[in-house]
Amino acid sequence: MENVSIPFQTIDWKGVPRTEHKGETGMSYWQTIEFEGLRVRLVEYSKHYKADHWCEKGHIVYCLEGEVVNELKDGTKSILEPGMSYIVSDDLSAHRSITAEKGVKLLIIDGAFLRSNV
């Protein structure tokens, strides 16, 4: 991937359109900014959200509010709480998100730079 130049800018998330995505249970709400090879999202999962698929994409995820369980396809689970992150490259660890009573708000960054060389 070639370097992409992104000039300095601020993002007022209040002005970024919000899209809805139904999970196996619950809903997710995305606000998305895209650049060449880079996607930045503010994502909220409702309480009792469970992803309807195993995600193979790479992400850098930072928990802003609430709590989310990250389940790997092999059964391993971890919990993110405010101030915690996880990082994964494309095609290395199939994963999905699950929330309980709190729901969660996450900052998620992904793109071409997370492609694995497997």
C-alpha atoms as a PDB file:
ATOM      1  CA  MET A   1       0.000   0.000   0.000  1.00  0.00           C
ATOM      2  CA  GLU A   2       1.266   3.444  -0.853  1.00  0.00           C
ATOM      3  CA  ASN A   3       1.217   6.191   1.746  1.00  0.00           C
ATOM      4  CA  VAL A   4      -1.931   8.283   1.624  1.00  0.00           C
ATOM      5  CA  SER A   5      -1.789  11.935   2.630  1.00  0.00           C
ATOM      6  CA  ILE A   6      -4.619  13.041   4.898  1.00  0.00           C
ATOM      7  CA  PRO A   7      -4.460  16.740   5.782  1.00  0.00           C
ATOM      8  CA  PHE A   8      -5.095  17.851   9.353  1.00  0.00           C
ATOM      9  CA  GLN A   9      -8.795  17.976  10.103  1.00  0.00           C
ATOM     10  CA  THR A  10     -11.169  17.724  12.997  1.00  0.00           C
ATOM     11  CA  ILE A  11     -14.218  15.482  12.944  1.00  0.00           C
ATOM     12  CA  ASP A  12     -17.437  16.690  14.536  1.00  0.00           C
ATOM     13  CA  TRP A  13     -19.127  13.324  14.995  1.00  0.00           C
ATOM     14  CA  LYS A  14     -22.471  15.050  15.637  1.00  0.00           C
ATOM     15  CA  GLY A  15     -22.561  15.883  11.913  1.00  0.00           C
ATOM     16  CA  VAL A  16     -21.606  12.425  10.605  1.00  0.00           C
ATOM     17  CA  PRO A  17     -24.641  10.413   9.391  1.00  0.00           C
ATOM     18  CA  ARG A  18     -25.554   7.358  11.477  1.00  0.00           C
ATOM     19  CA  THR A  19     -26.479   4.046   9.854  1.00  0.00           C
ATOM     20  CA  GLU A  20     -28.249   1.102  11.515  1.00  0.00           C
ATOM     21  CA  HIS A  21     -27.143  -2.526  11.282  1.00  0.00           C
ATOM     22  CA  LYS A  22     -29.202  -5.358  12.753  1.00  0.00           C
ATOM     23  CA  GLY A  23     -27.353  -8.033  14.699  1.00  0.00           C
ATOM     24  CA  GLU A  24     -28.425 -11.572  15.497  1.00  0.00           C
ATOM     25  CA  THR A  25     -29.882  -9.740  18.497  1.00  0.00           C
ATOM     26  CA  GLY A  26     -29.870  -5.994  19.119  1.00  0.00           C
ATOM     27  CA  MET A  27     -28.644  -3.220  16.842  1.00  0.00           C
ATOM     28  CA  SER A  28     -25.409  -1.501  15.932  1.00  0.00           C
ATOM     29  CA  TYR A  29     -25.138   2.131  14.866  1.00  0.00           C
ATOM     30  CA  TRP A  30     -22.192   3.337  12.767  1.00  0.00           C
ATOM     31  CA  GLN A  31     -20.892   6.782  11.981  1.00  0.00           C
ATOM     32  CA  THR A  32     -18.227   6.374   9.301  1.00  0.00           C
ATOM     33  CA  ILE A  33     -15.497   8.541   7.802  1.00  0.00           C
ATOM     34  CA  GLU A  34     -13.543   7.035   4.887  1.00  0.00           C
ATOM     35  CA  PHE A  35     -10.249   7.906   3.268  1.00  0.00           C
ATOM     36  CA  GLU A  36      -8.314   5.937   0.664  1.00  0.00           C
ATOM     37  CA  GLY A  37      -7.386   2.661   2.389  1.00  0.00           C
ATOM     38  CA  LEU A  38      -8.634   3.842   5.809  1.00  0.00           C
ATOM     39  CA  ARG A  39     -11.997   3.745   7.594  1.00  0.00           C
ATOM     40  CA  VAL A  40     -12.691   5.417  10.950  1.00  0.00           C
ATOM     41  CA  ARG A  41     -15.968   4.606  12.723  1.00  0.00           C
ATOM     42  CA  LEU A  42     -17.750   5.579  15.886  1.00  0.00           C
ATOM     43  CA  VAL A  43     -19.818   2.460  16.620  1.00  0.00           C
ATOM     44  CA  GLU A  44     -22.474   1.831  19.243  1.00  0.00           C
ATOM     45  CA  TYR A  45     -23.867  -1.607  20.045  1.00  0.00           C
ATOM     46  CA  SER A  46     -27.180  -1.687  21.888  1.00  0.00           C
ATOM     47  CA  LYS A  47     -27.593  -3.726  25.043  1.00  0.00           C
ATOM     48  CA  HIS A  48     -27.987  -7.436  24.265  1.00  0.00           C
ATOM     49  CA  TYR A  49     -26.293  -7.048  20.883  1.00  0.00           C
ATOM     50  CA  LYS A  50     -24.772 -10.132  19.250  1.00  0.00           C
ATOM     51  CA  ALA A  51     -23.096  -9.869  15.838  1.00  0.00           C
ATOM     52  CA  ASP A  52     -24.789 -11.900  13.131  1.00  0.00           C
ATOM     53  CA  HIS A  53     -21.479 -13.038  11.588  1.00  0.00           C
ATOM     54  CA  TRP A  54     -17.861 -13.928  12.341  1.00  0.00           C
ATOM     55  CA  CYS A  55     -15.742 -10.979  11.226  1.00  0.00           C
ATOM     56  CA  GLU A  56     -12.449 -11.733   9.455  1.00  0.00           C
ATOM     57  CA  LYS A  57     -11.406  -8.079   8.984  1.00  0.00           C
ATOM     58  CA  GLY A  58      -8.612  -6.393  10.882  1.00  0.00           C
ATOM     59  CA  HIS A  59      -9.375  -3.578  13.315  1.00  0.00           C
ATOM     60  CA  ILE A  60      -7.947  -1.327  15.959  1.00  0.00           C
ATOM     61  CA  VAL A  61     -10.749  -0.978  18.519  1.00  0.00           C
ATOM     62  CA  TYR A  62     -10.860   1.439  21.459  1.00  0.00           C
ATOM     63  CA  CYS A  63     -13.664   1.251  24.035  1.00  0.00           C
ATOM     64  CA  LEU A  64     -15.085   4.677  24.920  1.00  0.00           C
ATOM     65  CA  GLU A  65     -18.116   3.698  27.047  1.00  0.00           C
ATOM     66  CA  GLY A  66     -19.834   0.534  28.266  1.00  0.00           C
ATOM     67  CA  GLU A  67     -18.566  -3.012  27.874  1.00  0.00           C
ATOM     68  CA  VAL A  68     -18.246  -5.553  25.069  1.00  0.00           C
ATOM     69  CA  VAL A  69     -17.316  -9.229  24.999  1.00  0.00           C
ATOM     70  CA  ASN A  70     -15.103 -10.173  22.062  1.00  0.00           C
ATOM     71  CA  GLU A  71     -15.556 -13.815  21.159  1.00  0.00           C
ATOM     72  CA  LEU A  72     -13.130 -15.628  18.860  1.00  0.00           C
ATOM     73  CA  LYS A  73     -14.344 -18.485  16.696  1.00  0.00           C
ATOM     74  CA  ASP A  74     -12.158 -20.862  18.761  1.00  0.00           C
ATOM     75  CA  GLY A  75     -14.247 -19.985  21.854  1.00  0.00           C
ATOM     76  CA  THR A  76     -11.753 -17.603  23.494  1.00  0.00           C
ATOM     77  CA  LYS A  77     -13.423 -14.541  25.022  1.00  0.00           C
ATOM     78  CA  SER A  78     -12.140 -11.195  26.257  1.00  0.00           C
ATOM     79  CA  ILE A  79     -13.876  -8.133  27.657  1.00  0.00           C
ATOM     80  CA  LEU A  80     -13.220  -4.519  26.694  1.00  0.00           C
ATOM     81  CA  GLU A  81     -14.097  -1.781  29.156  1.00  0.00           C
ATOM     82  CA  PRO A  82     -13.525   1.985  28.801  1.00  0.00           C
ATOM     83  CA  GLY A  83      -9.877   2.762  28.100  1.00  0.00           C
ATOM     84  CA  MET A  84      -9.100  -0.723  26.710  1.00  0.00           C
ATOM     85  CA  SER A  85      -8.283  -1.727  23.109  1.00  0.00           C
ATOM     86  CA  TYR A  86      -7.741  -4.716  20.891  1.00  0.00           C
ATOM     87  CA  ILE A  87      -5.860  -5.044  17.611  1.00  0.00           C
ATOM     88  CA  VAL A  88      -6.129  -7.776  14.970  1.00  0.00           C
ATOM     89  CA  SER A  89      -5.023  -8.111  11.330  1.00  0.00           C
ATOM     90  CA  ASP A  90      -7.235  -9.312   8.466  1.00  0.00           C
ATOM     91  CA  ASP A  91      -7.862 -13.065   8.239  1.00  0.00           C
ATOM     92  CA  LEU A  92      -6.027 -14.002  11.459  1.00  0.00           C
ATOM     93  CA  SER A  93      -8.744 -14.361  14.118  1.00  0.00           C
ATOM     94  CA  ALA A  94     -12.435 -14.628  13.270  1.00  0.00           C
ATOM     95  CA  HIS A  95     -14.281 -12.646  15.940  1.00  0.00           C
ATOM     96  CA  ARG A  96     -17.659 -11.215  16.905  1.00  0.00           C
ATOM     97  CA  SER A  97     -18.971  -8.735  19.455  1.00  0.00           C
ATOM     98  CA  ILE A  98     -21.548  -9.352  22.187  1.00  0.00           C
ATOM     99  CA  THR A  99     -22.952  -6.922  24.760  1.00  0.00           C
ATOM    100  CA  ALA A 100     -24.987  -7.470  27.922  1.00  0.00           C
ATOM    101  CA  GLU A 101     -26.911  -4.862  29.917  1.00  0.00           C
ATOM    102  CA  LYS A 102     -24.719  -1.846  29.202  1.00  0.00           C
ATOM    103  CA  GLY A 103     -24.211  -1.693  25.456  1.00  0.00           C
ATOM    104  CA  VAL A 104     -20.962  -0.093  24.260  1.00  0.00           C
ATOM    105  CA  LYS A 105     -19.494   2.806  22.275  1.00  0.00           C
ATOM    106  CA  LEU A 106     -16.289   2.075  20.329  1.00  0.00           C
ATOM    107  CA  LEU A 107     -13.861   3.920  18.084  1.00  0.00           C
ATOM    108  CA  ILE A 108     -12.865   1.497  15.323  1.00  0.00           C
ATOM    109  CA  ILE A 109     -10.082   2.056  12.783  1.00  0.00           C
ATOM    110  CA  ASP A 110      -9.471  -0.350   9.938  1.00  0.00           C
ATOM    111  CA  GLY A 111      -8.108  -0.433   6.446  1.00  0.00           C
ATOM    112  CA  ALA A 112      -5.510  -1.742   4.039  1.00  0.00           C
ATOM    113  CA  PHE A 113      -2.668  -1.341   6.560  1.00  0.00           C
ATOM    114  CA  LEU A 114      -4.108  -4.297   8.543  1.00  0.00           C
ATOM    115  CA  ARG A 115      -3.908  -6.818   5.715  1.00  0.00           C
ATOM    116  CA  SER A 116      -2.057  -9.882   6.906  1.00  0.00           C
ATOM    117  CA  ASN A 117       0.701 -11.520   4.918  1.00  0.00           C
ATOM    118  CA  VAL A 118      -0.453 -15.030   5.758  1.00  0.00           C
END
